[in-house]
């Protein structure tokens, strides 16, 4: 079904930008097309497959009836498949918004991770993701802040890559947004509504999809405080860590 094409430049591979070339298996999906309005990738969206095994996910991502795809799929054992060239539009994101922009498919590269959402992500898989992300960010001059989860751009509709994903690892490697330490212990605006502050600063970080506060809170917690539950509290604003938030 697939063949190995280690020198496929059109797919964004061949010679690596930052490391030795990854061992990628090319398995073209029919579910793709040109990026609209001449857009180039400016973000990366991470997903979990929510399926039992990479092969089952690969079959679905290459099935014309399913009408879904992604640029890459990484198995739990570190195997890497590419289904769509990076300069083409894969069908992975669906409806959603990030930083006020829609049509995320035309603006992003989608990476699927073989995981049901209920267990940790394996080290061989994460090691390949580390290298792949570093190459993609270099290749397309994408900021680490623009590496997001499906749940970030589609709050309430999507929950992947889920609470078990190690965002802190990516941040330490400069491959995702790092949360700066709060510069103080209390708010500049003590009389401001906690909800208003939370929504304002989440919006500033990119959470611009039109959802209610509870849905927004769930999405932000999924990324930054997956253990948290209950109503909004001041600690939910700490990961937002805007410079003018604290005294």
Protein backbone atom coordinates (compact mmCIF):
# COMPACT_ATOMS: atom_id res chain seq x y z
CA UNK A 1 0.00 0.00 0.00
CA UNK A 2 2.86 2.39 0.75
CA UNK A 3 6.40 2.81 -0.42
CA UNK A 4 9.44 4.42 1.09
CA UNK A 5 10.60 7.62 -0.57
CA UNK A 6 13.35 9.04 1.63
CA UNK A 7 14.28 11.71 -0.88
CA UNK A 8 10.83 13.17 -1.51
CA UNK A 9 11.42 16.89 -1.58
CA UNK A 10 7.84 17.81 -2.48
CA UNK A 11 6.70 16.25 0.77
CA UNK A 12 9.08 18.45 2.74
CA UNK A 13 11.60 15.68 3.32
CA UNK A 14 14.89 14.54 1.95
CA UNK A 15 17.67 16.44 3.66
CA UNK A 16 16.82 17.46 7.18
CA UNK A 17 17.01 21.07 8.29
CA UNK A 18 18.18 20.46 11.85
CA UNK A 19 19.09 16.77 12.15
CA UNK A 20 19.64 13.59 10.20
CA UNK A 21 16.71 12.75 7.91
CA UNK A 22 13.84 10.94 9.55
CA UNK A 23 12.83 7.54 8.26
CA UNK A 24 9.47 8.40 6.66
CA UNK A 25 7.14 6.11 4.74
CA UNK A 26 5.15 7.83 2.02
CA UNK A 27 1.51 6.73 1.89
CA UNK A 28 -0.42 9.27 -0.19
CA UNK A 29 -3.96 10.16 0.82
CA UNK A 30 -6.51 11.29 -1.78
CA UNK A 31 -7.97 13.61 0.85
CA UNK A 32 -6.02 16.75 0.06
CA UNK A 33 -5.95 19.80 -2.17
CA UNK A 34 -4.20 23.13 -2.70
CA UNK A 35 -4.02 25.61 0.14
CA UNK A 36 -6.53 28.37 -0.40
CA UNK A 37 -5.62 31.96 -1.21
CA UNK A 38 -1.98 31.03 -1.71
CA UNK A 39 -1.47 30.46 2.02
CA UNK A 40 1.60 28.74 3.45
CA UNK A 41 1.78 26.83 6.73
CA UNK A 42 1.95 29.18 9.70
CA UNK A 43 0.97 26.77 12.49
CA UNK A 44 1.07 23.10 13.45
CA UNK A 45 -1.95 21.27 14.87
CA UNK A 46 -1.42 18.14 16.97
CA UNK A 47 -4.02 15.37 17.17
CA UNK A 48 -4.49 11.93 18.63
CA UNK A 49 -6.04 9.28 16.41
CA UNK A 50 -8.48 7.85 18.99
CA UNK A 51 -8.12 4.50 17.22
CA UNK A 52 -6.62 1.15 18.15
CA UNK A 53 -3.39 1.05 16.18
CA UNK A 54 -1.56 3.17 13.65
CA UNK A 55 -2.51 0.90 10.74
CA UNK A 56 -6.23 1.43 11.40
CA UNK A 57 -5.67 5.17 11.54
CA UNK A 58 -3.60 5.11 8.36
CA UNK A 59 -6.37 3.25 6.53
CA UNK A 60 -8.92 5.84 7.60
CA UNK A 61 -6.70 8.81 6.78
CA UNK A 62 -6.20 7.43 3.27
CA UNK A 63 -9.84 6.41 2.71
CA UNK A 64 -11.61 8.72 0.24
CA UNK A 65 -14.94 7.93 1.87
CA UNK A 66 -13.74 9.19 5.26
CA UNK A 67 -12.73 12.59 3.82
CA UNK A 68 -10.09 13.13 6.51
CA UNK A 69 -6.31 13.19 6.36
CA UNK A 70 -3.22 14.69 7.95
CA UNK A 71 0.26 15.44 6.76
CA UNK A 72 1.91 12.99 9.17
CA UNK A 73 1.09 10.06 11.40
CA UNK A 74 3.47 8.88 14.13
CA UNK A 75 3.02 5.39 15.56
CA UNK A 76 3.56 4.47 19.18
CA UNK A 77 6.78 2.70 18.18
CA UNK A 78 8.11 5.77 16.39
CA UNK A 79 7.21 4.77 12.85
CA UNK A 80 6.48 7.81 10.73
CA UNK A 81 4.16 8.07 7.73
CA UNK A 82 3.53 11.04 5.48
CA UNK A 83 0.23 11.22 3.62
CA UNK A 84 0.10 14.78 2.28
CA UNK A 85 2.95 17.04 1.08
CA UNK A 86 3.50 19.93 3.44
CA UNK A 87 2.71 22.50 0.78
CA UNK A 88 -0.73 20.97 0.25
CA UNK A 89 -3.91 21.30 2.33
CA UNK A 90 -4.74 18.23 4.41
CA UNK A 91 -8.21 17.74 5.89
CA UNK A 92 -7.46 17.42 9.60
CA UNK A 93 -8.67 20.47 11.51
CA UNK A 94 -12.29 21.07 10.54
CA UNK A 95 -14.27 23.99 11.89
CA UNK A 96 -12.46 26.21 14.34
CA UNK A 97 -10.41 29.34 14.83
CA UNK A 98 -7.06 30.42 16.20
CA UNK A 99 -5.83 34.01 16.62
CA UNK A 100 -8.93 35.21 14.80
CA UNK A 101 -8.23 33.12 11.71
CA UNK A 102 -10.39 30.41 10.22
CA UNK A 103 -9.68 27.77 7.56
CA UNK A 104 -7.03 26.23 9.79
CA UNK A 105 -6.46 23.50 7.20
CA UNK A 106 -5.03 26.06 4.77
CA UNK A 107 -2.81 27.57 7.45
CA UNK A 108 -1.44 24.50 9.19
CA UNK A 109 0.41 21.21 9.10
CA UNK A 110 -1.46 18.41 10.83
CA UNK A 111 0.28 15.66 12.82
CA UNK A 112 -1.66 12.63 14.06
CA UNK A 113 -0.30 10.67 17.02
CA UNK A 114 -1.29 7.03 17.50
CA UNK A 115 -3.03 7.26 20.87
CA UNK A 116 -6.53 6.56 22.12
CA UNK A 117 -6.43 9.58 24.41
CA UNK A 118 -6.43 7.43 27.52
CA UNK A 119 -2.75 6.58 27.97
CA UNK A 120 0.62 8.39 27.98
CA UNK A 121 2.41 9.06 24.72
CA UNK A 122 5.29 6.64 24.22
CA UNK A 123 8.91 7.82 24.26
CA UNK A 124 9.75 6.55 20.72
CA UNK A 125 6.74 8.45 19.41
CA UNK A 126 7.62 11.64 21.26
CA UNK A 127 11.26 11.44 20.16
CA UNK A 128 10.18 11.38 16.51
CA UNK A 129 7.72 14.21 17.13
CA UNK A 130 10.53 16.30 18.66
CA UNK A 131 12.65 15.99 15.52
CA UNK A 132 9.75 16.35 13.08
CA UNK A 133 8.48 19.49 14.78
CA UNK A 134 11.92 21.07 14.90
CA UNK A 135 12.31 20.52 11.17
CA UNK A 136 8.83 21.83 10.32
CA UNK A 137 9.27 24.97 12.42
CA UNK A 138 12.62 25.65 10.78
CA UNK A 139 11.40 24.86 7.29
CA UNK A 140 8.37 27.18 7.41
CA UNK A 141 9.61 29.77 9.97
CA UNK A 142 6.76 28.86 12.35
CA UNK A 143 6.84 30.20 15.91
CA UNK A 144 6.68 27.66 18.75
CA UNK A 145 3.65 29.62 19.99
CA UNK A 146 1.85 28.46 16.84
CA UNK A 147 2.13 24.77 17.75
CA UNK A 148 -1.34 24.04 19.12
CA UNK A 149 -3.68 21.20 19.91
CA UNK A 150 -6.88 20.41 18.06
CA UNK A 151 -8.69 21.31 21.28
CA UNK A 152 -7.12 24.79 21.26
CA UNK A 153 -8.65 25.79 17.93
CA UNK A 154 -11.92 23.88 18.34
CA UNK A 155 -12.87 24.23 22.04
CA UNK A 156 -15.73 21.99 23.04
CA UNK A 157 -15.75 20.19 19.71
CA UNK A 158 -12.38 18.48 20.03
CA UNK A 159 -10.29 17.26 22.95
CA UNK A 160 -7.08 16.06 21.36
CA UNK A 161 -4.21 15.58 21.92
CA UNK A 162 -5.76 15.27 25.35
CA UNK A 163 -4.75 15.48 29.02
CA UNK A 164 -1.95 12.91 28.79
CA UNK A 165 0.03 14.81 26.17
CA UNK A 166 3.36 16.23 27.40
CA UNK A 167 3.17 19.89 26.39
CA UNK A 168 5.83 20.77 28.98
CA UNK A 169 8.34 18.59 27.14
CA UNK A 170 7.76 20.47 23.88
CA UNK A 171 8.02 23.80 25.68
CA UNK A 172 11.37 22.83 27.25
CA UNK A 173 12.67 22.00 23.77
CA UNK A 174 11.44 25.29 22.31
CA UNK A 175 8.81 23.50 20.23
CA UNK A 176 5.69 24.93 21.88
CA UNK A 177 4.71 27.91 23.99
CA UNK A 178 6.59 28.08 27.26
CA UNK A 179 4.64 29.36 30.25
CA UNK A 180 6.58 32.24 31.82
CA UNK A 181 6.68 32.44 35.60
CA UNK A 182 4.26 34.88 37.16
CA UNK A 183 6.10 38.06 38.11
CA UNK A 184 4.12 38.66 41.28
CA UNK A 185 1.50 37.34 43.61
CA UNK A 186 -1.67 39.36 42.95
CA UNK A 187 -3.51 41.09 40.13
CA UNK A 188 -2.88 44.58 38.78
CA UNK A 189 -6.66 44.91 38.49
CA UNK A 190 -8.00 43.57 41.80
CA UNK A 191 -11.51 44.88 41.08
CA UNK A 192 -11.74 43.31 37.64
CA UNK A 193 -13.92 40.27 37.17
CA UNK A 194 -11.90 37.07 37.22
CA UNK A 195 -13.97 35.80 34.30
CA UNK A 196 -13.36 38.97 32.29
CA UNK A 197 -9.62 38.76 32.88
CA UNK A 198 -9.51 35.08 31.99
CA UNK A 199 -11.43 35.53 28.74
CA UNK A 200 -9.40 38.59 27.75
CA UNK A 201 -6.02 36.97 28.27
CA UNK A 202 -7.05 33.65 26.72
CA UNK A 203 -8.25 35.61 23.69
CA UNK A 204 -4.91 37.40 23.51
CA UNK A 205 -3.09 34.06 23.44
CA UNK A 206 -5.13 32.87 20.46
CA UNK A 207 -8.31 31.36 21.90
CA UNK A 208 -10.68 33.38 19.72
CA UNK A 209 -13.27 30.72 18.82
CA UNK A 210 -16.75 31.94 19.80
CA UNK A 211 -17.51 29.76 22.83
CA UNK A 212 -18.86 30.33 26.33
CA UNK A 213 -16.58 30.74 29.32
CA UNK A 214 -17.07 27.19 30.60
CA UNK A 215 -16.04 25.75 27.24
CA UNK A 216 -13.07 28.09 27.02
CA UNK A 217 -11.99 27.17 30.54
CA UNK A 218 -12.15 23.46 29.70
CA UNK A 219 -9.94 24.01 26.63
CA UNK A 220 -7.35 26.08 28.47
CA UNK A 221 -7.23 23.60 31.34
CA UNK A 222 -6.85 20.70 28.93
CA UNK A 223 -3.68 22.35 27.64
CA UNK A 224 -2.25 23.85 30.82
CA UNK A 225 -3.99 22.37 33.92
CA UNK A 226 -5.57 19.04 32.92
CA UNK A 227 -5.89 17.95 36.56
CA UNK A 228 -8.07 20.95 37.49
CA UNK A 229 -11.83 20.78 38.01
CA UNK A 230 -14.61 23.00 39.30
CA UNK A 231 -15.28 26.69 38.73
CA UNK A 232 -12.79 29.25 37.46
CA UNK A 233 -10.14 30.18 40.03
CA UNK A 234 -7.19 32.56 40.02
CA UNK A 235 -4.79 29.68 39.37
CA UNK A 236 -6.38 29.25 35.95
CA UNK A 237 -4.90 32.61 34.95
CA UNK A 238 -1.35 31.70 35.95
CA UNK A 239 -0.55 29.79 32.72
CA UNK A 240 -1.69 32.82 30.73
CA UNK A 241 1.09 34.74 32.51
CA UNK A 242 0.77 38.04 30.72
CA UNK A 243 3.40 40.55 31.84
CA UNK A 244 0.85 43.11 33.08
CA UNK A 245 -1.33 40.60 34.92
CA UNK A 246 0.55 40.42 38.21
CA UNK A 247 2.08 42.76 40.77
